[in-house]
C-alpha cells in the first residue's frame, strides 16, 4: 500500500469517534489509500469484520496490500451501501466511517483532471468507468444549467457571468482542457483570488460529474437501518454543502425543515449527535496537512429507542 496515496485527516479523532468494539462489524465507505481502514483493523480483534467501499479502481491495490482476512473490499459507490452489505450477509453494523471529497492521490494525479495546478483533459470522474465528464458538462450543458451548478455547488457570486463566459468561449472552440476552461473564465476571477475562484469552479464541476450531494443523501438515508443500537456514524466533510446535509440529518433526521415529533412531543430522529459542534483539526495538523483546514468531523450514534428521543 502506498503511504503517499492519501494522508488521513483527524485520524485519531475518527477512530475514537467509532467507539470500536473488538469483535464488531464496521464499514469504511471511502477506502482510498486505506489509512482509516488500517487504523480500524489495528484496534479490532480476530473475530471482527471490516467492509470497505471505493469506486476508484486505483484504490483496489491498496486494499490488496493490506492483506487482512478481516477486510472485504467492495469496488462500488457507497450510495449502494445497503445492497452490497446484504450481498455479503451483513444486516447491521457497529459503525460507519465516511471521509468525503477527493483523495490526495486523485488531486495529485494530473490526468484525472481534478486539480487547477496541472494541464490535462477536463475529466473529474471518481469512477473512471462513469459516462459523464467535466468536459461534457462545460461543452454541452445549457447556460442556465451551468449557472445553477456554479452558483449552487461552487457558491460563485458571479455564477451567471461565469456561465455566460463558458458558453461564449465554447461557441468558438470546445473547452477540452483545464487551461481552456481557465482561459475562458480568467476575466471572471477576482484579481488576486484567481486560485480560490478556479477551485470553486472545479468543486462545482466535480460535484456535478460525480453526483456527490445526491450520493451523500442516499447514503445517509440508509445509515439508520444499518446501524445497530448505539452504533456510530463518523463523517468528515470538506465544504459547507456536505456538512449542512450531514448536520441536518443528524439533528433532524432529514435534510430540511424541522424535526418531527410524536404525540407526546418527543423528537423522532434515528440518530443523535455525540458532539454538539463539529470537531476541527488542530493548528499542528493543519501545518502538517493543509487539506485538514476545511475539514469538519461529525459523530452520531443510533438511538436505542428506535429514534424517539426526549430532549
Protein backbone atom coordinates (compact mmCIF):
# COMPACT_ATOMS: atom_id res chain seq x y z
CA UNK A 1 0.00 0.00 0.00
CA UNK A 2 1.43 3.39 -0.93
CA UNK A 3 1.92 5.70 2.02
CA UNK A 4 1.54 8.88 -0.04
CA UNK A 5 -1.80 7.96 -1.63
CA UNK A 6 -3.72 9.95 0.96
CA UNK A 7 -2.86 11.40 4.34
CA UNK A 8 -5.87 10.78 6.60
CA UNK A 9 -7.25 13.87 8.31
CA UNK A 10 -8.03 13.71 12.06
CA UNK A 11 -7.25 10.00 12.06
CA UNK A 12 -7.22 9.58 15.85
CA UNK A 13 -10.47 11.55 16.21
CA UNK A 14 -12.18 9.37 13.59
CA UNK A 15 -11.10 6.14 15.28
CA UNK A 16 -12.12 7.42 18.72
CA UNK A 17 -15.48 8.51 17.30
CA UNK A 18 -16.29 4.98 16.14
CA UNK A 19 -16.02 3.68 19.74
CA UNK A 20 -14.72 0.40 18.34
CA UNK A 21 -15.77 -2.96 19.77
CA UNK A 22 -13.04 -5.62 19.45
CA UNK A 23 -15.28 -8.09 17.61
CA UNK A 24 -17.61 -5.63 15.90
CA UNK A 25 -18.54 -5.17 12.27
CA UNK A 26 -17.53 -1.86 10.66
CA UNK A 27 -17.72 -0.13 7.30
CA UNK A 28 -15.31 2.36 5.72
CA UNK A 29 -17.25 3.74 2.76
CA UNK A 30 -14.32 5.78 1.41
CA UNK A 31 -11.34 3.41 1.47
CA UNK A 32 -8.94 5.43 -0.70
CA UNK A 33 -5.39 4.74 0.44
CA UNK A 34 -6.60 2.59 3.31
CA UNK A 35 -5.30 4.81 6.11
CA UNK A 36 -8.52 4.80 8.10
CA UNK A 37 -9.17 1.13 7.44
CA UNK A 38 -5.71 0.13 8.58
CA UNK A 39 -6.14 2.11 11.81
CA UNK A 40 -9.53 0.48 12.41
CA UNK A 41 -8.12 -3.01 11.85
CA UNK A 42 -5.29 -2.27 14.29
CA UNK A 43 -7.89 -1.81 17.04
CA UNK A 44 -10.06 -4.83 16.20
CA UNK A 45 -9.81 -8.43 17.34
CA UNK A 46 -9.53 -11.56 15.18
CA UNK A 47 -13.30 -12.08 15.11
CA UNK A 48 -14.07 -8.59 13.78
CA UNK A 49 -15.01 -7.63 10.26
CA UNK A 50 -14.41 -4.52 8.14
CA UNK A 51 -16.10 -3.87 4.80
CA UNK A 52 -14.55 -1.12 2.70
CA UNK A 53 -16.05 0.65 -0.30
CA UNK A 54 -14.33 2.59 -3.07
CA UNK A 55 -15.41 3.12 -6.67
CA UNK A 56 -11.95 4.29 -7.77
CA UNK A 57 -10.00 1.41 -9.39
CA UNK A 58 -6.77 2.89 -8.04
CA UNK A 59 -7.89 2.03 -4.50
CA UNK A 60 -8.13 -1.72 -5.13
CA UNK A 61 -4.36 -2.25 -5.00
CA UNK A 62 -4.23 -0.54 -1.61
CA UNK A 63 -6.82 -2.97 -0.24
CA UNK A 64 -4.85 -5.94 -1.57
CA UNK A 65 -1.70 -4.59 0.08
CA UNK A 66 -3.37 -4.64 3.49
CA UNK A 67 -3.65 -8.44 3.12
CA UNK A 68 -6.01 -8.81 6.09
CA UNK A 69 -8.61 -11.62 6.11
CA UNK A 70 -10.95 -9.44 8.20
CA UNK A 71 -11.18 -6.91 5.34
CA UNK A 72 -13.67 -7.20 2.50
CA UNK A 73 -13.09 -4.67 -0.29
CA UNK A 74 -16.13 -3.69 -2.35
CA UNK A 75 -15.47 -1.88 -5.63
CA UNK A 76 -18.66 0.18 -5.64
CA UNK A 77 -20.13 3.58 -4.87
CA UNK A 78 -21.32 3.84 -1.28
CA UNK A 79 -24.73 5.02 -2.46
CA UNK A 80 -25.31 1.26 -2.84
CA UNK A 81 -24.28 0.54 0.75
CA UNK A 82 -27.28 -1.48 1.92
CA UNK A 83 -27.47 -3.61 -1.22
CA UNK A 84 -23.82 -4.69 -1.02
CA UNK A 85 -23.89 -5.32 2.71
CA UNK A 86 -26.83 -7.64 2.20
CA UNK A 87 -24.92 -9.35 -0.60
CA UNK A 88 -22.18 -10.10 1.93
CA UNK A 89 -24.64 -11.28 4.56
CA UNK A 90 -24.48 -8.19 6.76
CA UNK A 91 -27.72 -6.70 8.11
CA UNK A 92 -26.39 -4.36 10.78
CA UNK A 93 -23.01 -2.91 11.68
CA UNK A 94 -21.46 -1.28 14.74
CA UNK A 95 -20.01 1.73 12.95
CA UNK A 96 -19.71 3.50 9.62
CA UNK A 97 -16.95 5.90 8.59
CA UNK A 98 -17.12 8.32 5.64
CA UNK A 99 -14.24 10.62 4.66
CA UNK A 100 -15.90 12.63 1.90
CA UNK A 101 -14.40 14.52 -1.02
CA UNK A 102 -11.40 13.58 -3.09
CA UNK A 103 -8.15 11.97 -2.04
CA UNK A 104 -4.70 13.49 -2.24
CA UNK A 105 -3.89 10.86 -4.85
CA UNK A 106 -6.76 11.96 -7.09
CA UNK A 107 -5.80 15.62 -6.75
CA UNK A 108 -2.13 14.95 -7.44
CA UNK A 109 -2.70 12.72 -10.48
CA UNK A 110 -2.73 15.25 -13.36
CA UNK A 111 -4.61 13.11 -15.88
CA UNK A 112 -7.60 12.80 -13.53
CA UNK A 113 -8.33 16.49 -14.13
CA UNK A 114 -9.20 17.35 -10.53
CA UNK A 115 -6.57 20.00 -9.90
CA UNK A 116 -6.19 23.50 -11.30
CA UNK A 117 -2.42 23.11 -10.92
CA UNK A 118 -1.98 20.87 -13.96
CA UNK A 119 -2.85 20.92 -17.62
CA UNK A 120 -4.99 17.91 -18.50
CA UNK A 121 -8.30 16.90 -20.01
CA UNK A 122 -11.38 18.03 -18.12
CA UNK A 123 -12.31 14.70 -16.56
CA UNK A 124 -13.03 14.74 -12.79
CA UNK A 125 -14.63 11.27 -12.65
CA UNK A 126 -14.05 9.49 -9.35
CA UNK A 127 -15.26 6.33 -11.07
CA UNK A 128 -13.29 6.22 -14.30
CA UNK A 129 -15.93 3.95 -15.80
CA UNK A 130 -18.55 6.70 -15.44
CA UNK A 131 -20.06 8.28 -18.52
CA UNK A 132 -20.19 11.96 -17.56
CA UNK A 133 -17.02 14.08 -17.56
CA UNK A 134 -16.37 17.71 -16.75
CA UNK A 135 -15.60 18.27 -20.43
CA UNK A 136 -19.12 17.17 -21.34
CA UNK A 137 -20.62 19.43 -18.68
CA UNK A 138 -18.87 22.61 -19.84
CA UNK A 139 -19.41 21.88 -23.53
CA UNK A 140 -22.98 20.57 -23.62
CA UNK A 141 -24.93 21.89 -20.64
CA UNK A 142 -27.27 24.82 -21.36
CA UNK A 143 -26.18 28.14 -19.90
CA UNK A 144 -29.00 28.06 -17.34
CA UNK A 145 -27.78 24.71 -16.00
CA UNK A 146 -24.21 25.95 -15.80
CA UNK A 147 -25.46 29.00 -13.90
CA UNK A 148 -27.26 26.75 -11.44
CA UNK A 149 -24.30 24.40 -10.93
CA UNK A 150 -21.73 27.16 -10.47
CA UNK A 151 -23.96 29.07 -8.09
CA UNK A 152 -25.25 26.14 -6.05
CA UNK A 153 -22.23 23.84 -5.95
CA UNK A 154 -19.40 26.33 -6.40
CA UNK A 155 -21.09 29.15 -4.48
CA UNK A 156 -19.84 31.68 -7.02
CA UNK A 157 -21.25 35.16 -6.54
CA UNK A 158 -20.99 35.81 -10.29
CA UNK A 159 -22.24 32.41 -11.45
CA UNK A 160 -24.40 33.90 -14.21
CA UNK A 161 -21.43 35.79 -15.65
CA UNK A 162 -19.24 32.70 -15.46
CA UNK A 163 -21.84 30.54 -17.20
CA UNK A 164 -22.12 33.10 -19.99
CA UNK A 165 -18.33 33.23 -20.34
CA UNK A 166 -18.20 29.44 -20.75
CA UNK A 167 -20.95 29.29 -23.37
CA UNK A 168 -19.43 32.21 -25.27
CA UNK A 169 -15.99 30.62 -25.32
CA UNK A 170 -17.22 27.18 -26.38
CA UNK A 171 -19.07 28.75 -29.31
CA UNK A 172 -15.66 29.40 -30.86
CA UNK A 173 -13.98 26.13 -29.91
CA UNK A 174 -14.59 23.27 -27.43
CA UNK A 175 -13.23 23.63 -23.91
CA UNK A 176 -11.37 20.33 -23.63
CA UNK A 177 -8.64 21.03 -21.09
CA UNK A 178 -8.12 22.68 -17.74
CA UNK A 179 -6.29 25.59 -19.34
CA UNK A 180 -9.11 26.03 -21.87
CA UNK A 181 -11.57 26.48 -19.02
CA UNK A 182 -9.30 28.78 -17.01
CA UNK A 183 -8.73 30.94 -20.09
CA UNK A 184 -12.48 31.21 -20.67
CA UNK A 185 -13.04 32.32 -17.07
CA UNK A 186 -9.97 34.46 -16.41
CA UNK A 187 -11.94 37.72 -16.72
CA UNK A 188 -14.50 36.45 -14.19
CA UNK A 189 -11.99 35.67 -11.45
CA UNK A 190 -11.39 38.39 -8.84
CA UNK A 191 -7.91 39.82 -9.13
CA UNK A 192 -5.56 38.29 -6.59
CA UNK A 193 -8.04 35.50 -5.79
CA UNK A 194 -7.85 33.56 -9.02
CA UNK A 195 -6.78 30.28 -7.41
CA UNK A 196 -9.67 30.29 -4.95
CA UNK A 197 -12.11 31.16 -7.72
CA UNK A 198 -10.97 28.35 -10.00
CA UNK A 199 -11.06 25.95 -7.05
CA UNK A 200 -14.74 26.85 -6.54
CA UNK A 201 -15.44 26.26 -10.23
CA UNK A 202 -13.73 22.87 -10.09
CA UNK A 203 -15.63 21.95 -6.95
CA UNK A 204 -18.90 22.70 -8.72
CA UNK A 205 -18.00 20.61 -11.76
CA UNK A 206 -16.70 17.72 -9.64
CA UNK A 207 -19.90 17.61 -7.60
CA UNK A 208 -22.00 17.57 -10.78
CA UNK A 209 -19.91 14.92 -12.54
CA UNK A 210 -19.97 12.58 -9.55
CA UNK A 211 -23.49 13.45 -8.30
CA UNK A 212 -21.86 13.89 -4.90
CA UNK A 213 -24.63 15.54 -2.91
CA UNK A 214 -27.28 13.09 -4.08
CA UNK A 215 -24.94 10.21 -3.30
CA UNK A 216 -24.41 11.61 0.19
CA UNK A 217 -28.15 11.94 0.78
CA UNK A 218 -28.82 8.39 -0.40
CA UNK A 219 -26.02 7.10 1.82
CA UNK A 220 -27.23 8.92 4.94
CA UNK A 221 -30.79 7.70 4.45
CA UNK A 222 -29.54 4.09 4.60
CA UNK A 223 -27.46 4.54 7.76
CA UNK A 224 -30.21 4.29 10.44
CA UNK A 225 -31.39 0.89 9.24
CA UNK A 226 -27.84 -0.43 9.00
CA UNK A 227 -26.52 0.73 12.36
CA UNK A 228 -27.05 -1.50 15.37
CA UNK A 229 -28.38 0.21 18.53
CA UNK A 230 -25.66 2.54 19.87
CA UNK A 231 -23.78 2.13 16.58
CA UNK A 232 -21.71 5.12 15.48
CA UNK A 233 -21.64 7.20 12.30
CA UNK A 234 -18.47 9.23 11.70
CA UNK A 235 -18.49 11.64 8.75
CA UNK A 236 -15.78 14.07 7.69
CA UNK A 237 -16.70 16.73 5.15
CA UNK A 238 -14.68 19.42 3.42
CA UNK A 239 -17.18 22.03 2.29
CA UNK A 240 -20.34 23.58 3.66
CA UNK A 241 -22.72 21.84 1.26
CA UNK A 242 -21.73 18.39 2.53
CA UNK A 243 -21.53 19.44 6.15
CA UNK A 244 -25.00 21.01 6.06
CA UNK A 245 -26.55 17.76 4.83
CA UNK A 246 -24.77 15.72 7.50
CA UNK A 247 -25.64 18.19 10.26
CA UNK A 248 -29.32 18.35 9.32
CA UNK A 249 -29.67 14.59 9.03
CA UNK A 250 -28.11 14.03 12.44
CA UNK A 251 -30.04 16.81 14.15
CA UNK A 252 -33.40 16.46 12.39
CA UNK A 253 -33.49 13.05 10.75
CA UNK A 254 -33.94 14.75 7.37
CA UNK A 255 -32.21 17.28 5.16
CA UNK A 256 -34.52 20.28 5.53
CA UNK A 257 -37.40 21.52 7.63
CA UNK A 258 -38.00 20.98 11.32
CA UNK A 259 -37.55 17.75 13.23
CA UNK A 260 -40.74 15.70 13.52
CA UNK A 261 -42.29 14.94 16.92
CA UNK A 262 -44.68 12.30 18.20
CA UNK A 263 -47.93 13.00 20.07
CA UNK A 264 -46.01 13.40 23.33
CA UNK A 265 -43.56 15.95 21.94
CA UNK A 266 -40.65 13.56 21.67
CA UNK A 267 -38.38 14.20 18.70
CA UNK A 268 -38.43 11.45 16.11
CA UNK A 269 -34.94 11.04 14.72
CA UNK A 270 -32.85 7.90 14.40
CA UNK A 271 -29.51 9.48 15.31
CA UNK A 272 -28.25 11.93 17.88
CA UNK A 273 -25.06 13.93 17.78
CA UNK A 274 -22.27 12.80 20.09
CA UNK A 275 -20.72 16.27 19.90
CA UNK A 276 -22.73 19.48 19.69
CA UNK A 277 -20.31 21.12 17.27
CA UNK A 278 -18.14 19.58 14.56
CA UNK A 279 -14.60 18.62 15.50
CA UNK A 280 -11.90 20.52 13.62
CA UNK A 281 -8.23 19.82 13.09
CA UNK A 282 -5.63 21.27 15.42
CA UNK A 283 -3.26 24.01 14.20
CA UNK A 284 -0.41 21.49 14.29
CA UNK A 285 -2.24 19.08 12.00
CA UNK A 286 -3.18 21.87 9.60
CA UNK A 287 0.51 22.82 9.40
CA UNK A 288 1.41 19.21 8.55
CA UNK A 289 -1.55 18.65 6.23
CA UNK A 290 -3.14 21.84 4.79
CA UNK A 291 -6.11 19.79 3.49
CA UNK A 292 -7.24 19.48 7.11
CA UNK A 293 -8.02 23.20 7.29
CA UNK A 294 -11.53 22.86 5.86
CA UNK A 295 -12.41 19.51 7.45
CA UNK A 296 -15.36 19.17 9.81
CA UNK A 297 -15.91 15.91 11.65
CA UNK A 298 -19.36 14.98 12.94
CA UNK A 299 -20.12 11.93 15.07
CA UNK A 300 -23.58 10.48 15.67
CA UNK A 301 -24.97 7.49 17.49
CA UNK A 302 -28.06 5.46 16.76
CA UNK A 303 -30.71 5.72 19.47
CA UNK A 304 -31.65 2.59 21.37
CA UNK A 305 -35.32 3.57 21.37
CA UNK A 306 -35.93 3.39 17.63
CA UNK A 307 -35.44 7.08 17.03
CA UNK A 308 -37.77 8.68 19.59
CA UNK A 309 -35.71 10.82 21.90
CA UNK A 310 -36.91 13.02 24.69
CA UNK A 311 -34.66 16.04 24.58
